[in-house]
N, C-alpha and C. Protein backbone atom coordinates (compact mmCIF):
# COMPACT_ATOMS: atom_id res chain seq x y z
N MET A 1 121.50 356.30 -6.00
CA MET A 1 122.22 355.15 -6.52
C MET A 1 123.71 355.41 -6.60
N SER A 2 124.13 356.62 -6.93
CA SER A 2 125.54 356.88 -7.18
C SER A 2 126.42 356.57 -5.97
N ASN A 3 125.86 356.65 -4.74
CA ASN A 3 126.68 356.33 -3.59
C ASN A 3 126.92 354.83 -3.44
N GLU A 4 126.22 354.02 -4.19
CA GLU A 4 126.36 352.57 -4.14
C GLU A 4 127.04 352.00 -5.39
N LEU A 5 127.54 352.84 -6.24
CA LEU A 5 128.16 352.36 -7.48
C LEU A 5 129.37 351.48 -7.20
N TRP A 6 130.05 351.70 -6.10
CA TRP A 6 131.21 350.89 -5.76
C TRP A 6 130.86 349.41 -5.60
N ARG A 7 129.59 349.10 -5.39
CA ARG A 7 129.16 347.71 -5.24
C ARG A 7 129.08 346.97 -6.58
N MET A 8 129.03 347.70 -7.67
CA MET A 8 128.87 347.08 -8.99
C MET A 8 130.15 346.38 -9.43
N THR A 9 130.01 345.35 -10.24
CA THR A 9 131.19 344.72 -10.82
C THR A 9 131.79 345.68 -11.84
N ALA A 10 133.05 345.48 -12.14
CA ALA A 10 133.72 346.34 -13.12
C ALA A 10 133.02 346.24 -14.48
N VAL A 11 132.60 345.05 -14.85
CA VAL A 11 131.92 344.86 -16.14
C VAL A 11 130.59 345.61 -16.17
N ASP A 12 129.80 345.48 -15.10
CA ASP A 12 128.50 346.16 -15.06
C ASP A 12 128.67 347.67 -15.01
N LEU A 13 129.66 348.13 -14.26
CA LEU A 13 129.90 349.57 -14.17
C LEU A 13 130.37 350.13 -15.50
N ALA A 14 131.27 349.42 -16.17
CA ALA A 14 131.73 349.87 -17.49
C ALA A 14 130.57 349.93 -18.47
N HIS A 15 129.69 348.95 -18.40
CA HIS A 15 128.51 348.92 -19.28
C HIS A 15 127.61 350.13 -18.99
N ALA A 16 127.37 350.41 -17.71
CA ALA A 16 126.53 351.55 -17.34
C ALA A 16 127.15 352.87 -17.80
N ILE A 17 128.46 352.97 -17.69
CA ILE A 17 129.14 354.19 -18.16
C ILE A 17 129.03 354.30 -19.67
N ARG A 18 129.24 353.19 -20.36
CA ARG A 18 129.16 353.20 -21.83
C ARG A 18 127.77 353.60 -22.31
N LEU A 19 126.74 353.17 -21.59
CA LEU A 19 125.36 353.51 -21.95
C LEU A 19 124.99 354.93 -21.55
N GLY A 20 125.81 355.55 -20.73
CA GLY A 20 125.50 356.90 -20.27
C GLY A 20 124.60 356.94 -19.05
N ALA A 21 124.33 355.78 -18.46
CA ALA A 21 123.48 355.72 -17.27
C ALA A 21 124.23 356.26 -16.05
N VAL A 22 125.54 356.17 -16.10
CA VAL A 22 126.41 356.60 -15.00
C VAL A 22 127.61 357.29 -15.62
N SER A 23 128.11 358.31 -14.97
CA SER A 23 129.32 358.96 -15.48
C SER A 23 130.54 358.40 -14.76
N SER A 24 131.69 358.55 -15.39
CA SER A 24 132.94 358.13 -14.77
C SER A 24 133.16 358.90 -13.47
N ARG A 25 132.77 360.16 -13.47
CA ARG A 25 132.93 360.99 -12.27
C ARG A 25 132.07 360.45 -11.13
N GLU A 26 130.83 360.07 -11.41
CA GLU A 26 129.97 359.50 -10.37
C GLU A 26 130.58 358.22 -9.81
N ALA A 27 131.08 357.38 -10.68
CA ALA A 27 131.69 356.12 -10.24
C ALA A 27 132.92 356.40 -9.39
N THR A 28 133.74 357.34 -9.82
CA THR A 28 134.95 357.68 -9.09
C THR A 28 134.61 358.26 -7.72
N LEU A 29 133.64 359.16 -7.67
CA LEU A 29 133.23 359.74 -6.39
C LEU A 29 132.70 358.67 -5.44
N SER A 30 131.97 357.71 -5.97
CA SER A 30 131.44 356.62 -5.15
C SER A 30 132.57 355.80 -4.54
N VAL A 31 133.54 355.48 -5.36
CA VAL A 31 134.68 354.68 -4.87
C VAL A 31 135.50 355.47 -3.85
N LEU A 32 135.73 356.74 -4.13
CA LEU A 32 136.49 357.57 -3.19
C LEU A 32 135.76 357.68 -1.84
N ALA A 33 134.44 357.81 -1.88
CA ALA A 33 133.67 357.88 -0.64
C ALA A 33 133.76 356.56 0.13
N ARG A 34 133.73 355.45 -0.60
CA ARG A 34 133.84 354.14 0.05
C ARG A 34 135.22 353.96 0.68
N ILE A 35 136.25 354.41 -0.02
CA ILE A 35 137.60 354.34 0.54
C ILE A 35 137.67 355.16 1.82
N ASP A 36 137.11 356.36 1.80
CA ASP A 36 137.09 357.20 3.00
C ASP A 36 136.38 356.50 4.16
N ALA A 37 135.32 355.75 3.83
CA ALA A 37 134.52 355.11 4.87
C ALA A 37 135.22 353.91 5.49
N VAL A 38 135.94 353.13 4.70
CA VAL A 38 136.49 351.87 5.23
C VAL A 38 138.00 351.87 5.41
N ASN A 39 138.70 352.78 4.77
CA ASN A 39 140.16 352.75 4.85
C ASN A 39 140.72 353.02 6.24
N PRO A 40 140.08 353.84 7.07
CA PRO A 40 140.65 354.01 8.41
C PRO A 40 140.77 352.70 9.19
N VAL A 41 139.86 351.77 8.95
CA VAL A 41 139.92 350.47 9.61
C VAL A 41 140.85 349.51 8.87
N LEU A 42 140.73 349.48 7.54
CA LEU A 42 141.52 348.54 6.74
C LEU A 42 142.96 348.99 6.53
N ASN A 43 143.14 350.28 6.40
CA ASN A 43 144.46 350.85 6.09
C ASN A 43 145.07 350.18 4.86
N ALA A 44 144.25 350.00 3.83
CA ALA A 44 144.69 349.32 2.61
C ALA A 44 145.17 350.29 1.54
N VAL A 45 144.67 351.51 1.56
CA VAL A 45 145.05 352.50 0.55
C VAL A 45 145.93 353.55 1.22
N VAL A 46 147.18 353.61 0.79
CA VAL A 46 148.13 354.53 1.41
C VAL A 46 147.96 355.93 0.86
N ASP A 47 147.81 356.05 -0.45
CA ASP A 47 147.72 357.36 -1.09
C ASP A 47 146.60 357.31 -2.12
N GLN A 48 145.47 357.96 -1.82
CA GLN A 48 144.29 357.87 -2.69
C GLN A 48 144.44 358.59 -4.02
N LEU A 49 145.09 359.72 -4.03
CA LEU A 49 145.22 360.55 -5.23
C LEU A 49 143.85 360.91 -5.83
N PRO A 50 142.95 361.46 -5.02
CA PRO A 50 141.61 361.76 -5.52
C PRO A 50 141.59 362.79 -6.65
N GLU A 51 142.48 363.76 -6.60
CA GLU A 51 142.50 364.77 -7.66
C GLU A 51 142.84 364.12 -9.01
N GLN A 52 143.81 363.22 -8.99
CA GLN A 52 144.19 362.54 -10.23
C GLN A 52 143.07 361.61 -10.70
N ALA A 53 142.41 360.95 -9.78
CA ALA A 53 141.31 360.06 -10.15
C ALA A 53 140.17 360.84 -10.78
N LEU A 54 139.84 361.98 -10.19
CA LEU A 54 138.76 362.80 -10.75
C LEU A 54 139.16 363.43 -12.08
N ALA A 55 140.44 363.79 -12.22
CA ALA A 55 140.92 364.32 -13.51
C ALA A 55 140.82 363.26 -14.60
N ALA A 56 141.15 362.03 -14.27
CA ALA A 56 141.04 360.94 -15.24
C ALA A 56 139.58 360.69 -15.61
N ALA A 57 138.69 360.78 -14.63
CA ALA A 57 137.26 360.61 -14.89
C ALA A 57 136.75 361.71 -15.81
N GLU A 58 137.20 362.93 -15.58
CA GLU A 58 136.81 364.06 -16.42
C GLU A 58 137.33 363.86 -17.85
N GLU A 59 138.56 363.40 -17.97
CA GLU A 59 139.12 363.15 -19.30
C GLU A 59 138.32 362.07 -20.03
N ASP A 60 137.93 361.03 -19.30
CA ASP A 60 137.11 359.97 -19.90
C ASP A 60 135.79 360.56 -20.40
N TRP A 61 135.18 361.43 -19.60
CA TRP A 61 133.92 362.05 -19.99
C TRP A 61 134.10 362.88 -21.26
N LEU A 62 135.19 363.63 -21.34
CA LEU A 62 135.45 364.46 -22.52
C LEU A 62 135.62 363.60 -23.77
N HIS A 63 136.36 362.50 -23.64
CA HIS A 63 136.54 361.59 -24.78
C HIS A 63 135.22 360.95 -25.19
N ALA A 64 134.43 360.54 -24.21
CA ALA A 64 133.13 359.92 -24.51
C ALA A 64 132.21 360.92 -25.19
N SER A 65 132.23 362.16 -24.72
CA SER A 65 131.39 363.20 -25.33
C SER A 65 131.81 363.46 -26.77
N ALA A 66 133.11 363.47 -27.02
CA ALA A 66 133.61 363.69 -28.38
C ALA A 66 133.20 362.53 -29.29
N ARG A 67 133.29 361.30 -28.79
CA ARG A 67 132.89 360.13 -29.60
C ARG A 67 131.40 360.18 -29.90
N LEU A 68 130.61 360.57 -28.91
CA LEU A 68 129.16 360.66 -29.09
C LEU A 68 128.81 361.73 -30.12
N GLU A 69 129.46 362.86 -30.04
CA GLU A 69 129.21 363.94 -31.00
C GLU A 69 129.60 363.51 -32.41
N ALA A 70 130.74 362.82 -32.54
CA ALA A 70 131.17 362.35 -33.86
C ALA A 70 130.16 361.36 -34.43
N ALA A 71 129.65 360.48 -33.59
CA ALA A 71 128.65 359.51 -34.05
C ALA A 71 127.36 360.22 -34.46
N ARG A 72 126.97 361.25 -33.71
CA ARG A 72 125.77 362.01 -34.04
C ARG A 72 125.91 362.70 -35.39
N VAL A 73 127.06 363.32 -35.62
CA VAL A 73 127.32 364.01 -36.88
C VAL A 73 127.32 363.00 -38.03
N GLU A 74 127.94 361.86 -37.83
CA GLU A 74 128.00 360.84 -38.87
C GLU A 74 126.59 360.35 -39.21
N LEU A 75 125.75 360.14 -38.21
CA LEU A 75 124.38 359.70 -38.43
C LEU A 75 123.59 360.76 -39.20
N GLN A 76 123.77 362.01 -38.83
CA GLN A 76 123.07 363.09 -39.55
C GLN A 76 123.51 363.13 -41.02
N GLU A 77 124.79 362.95 -41.25
CA GLU A 77 125.29 362.95 -42.63
C GLU A 77 124.74 361.79 -43.43
N GLU A 78 124.63 360.63 -42.80
CA GLU A 78 124.06 359.45 -43.48
C GLU A 78 122.60 359.68 -43.79
N GLN A 79 121.87 360.28 -42.87
CA GLN A 79 120.46 360.53 -43.08
C GLN A 79 120.21 361.60 -44.14
N ALA A 80 121.14 362.52 -44.26
CA ALA A 80 121.02 363.61 -45.25
C ALA A 80 121.27 363.10 -46.67
N GLY A 81 121.94 362.01 -46.75
CA GLY A 81 122.07 361.47 -48.10
C GLY A 81 123.43 361.24 -48.55
């Protein structure tokens, strides 16, 4: 499925990322692969900046992981009393 993520709408993809069904990195890799596949014909993307795109995806993953961990800790504290 990850190779077809570029077909998803931005809203659906954001929802899948938020749910953890898809990672930002998977989505980014899918889009970069699609650009590689069609850009030679379209010549629409002059400078892809894949390293920066993947770094941003990694940063998003780190922030999401931190938010998830904070929510987990908060839930445990609530359950503890």
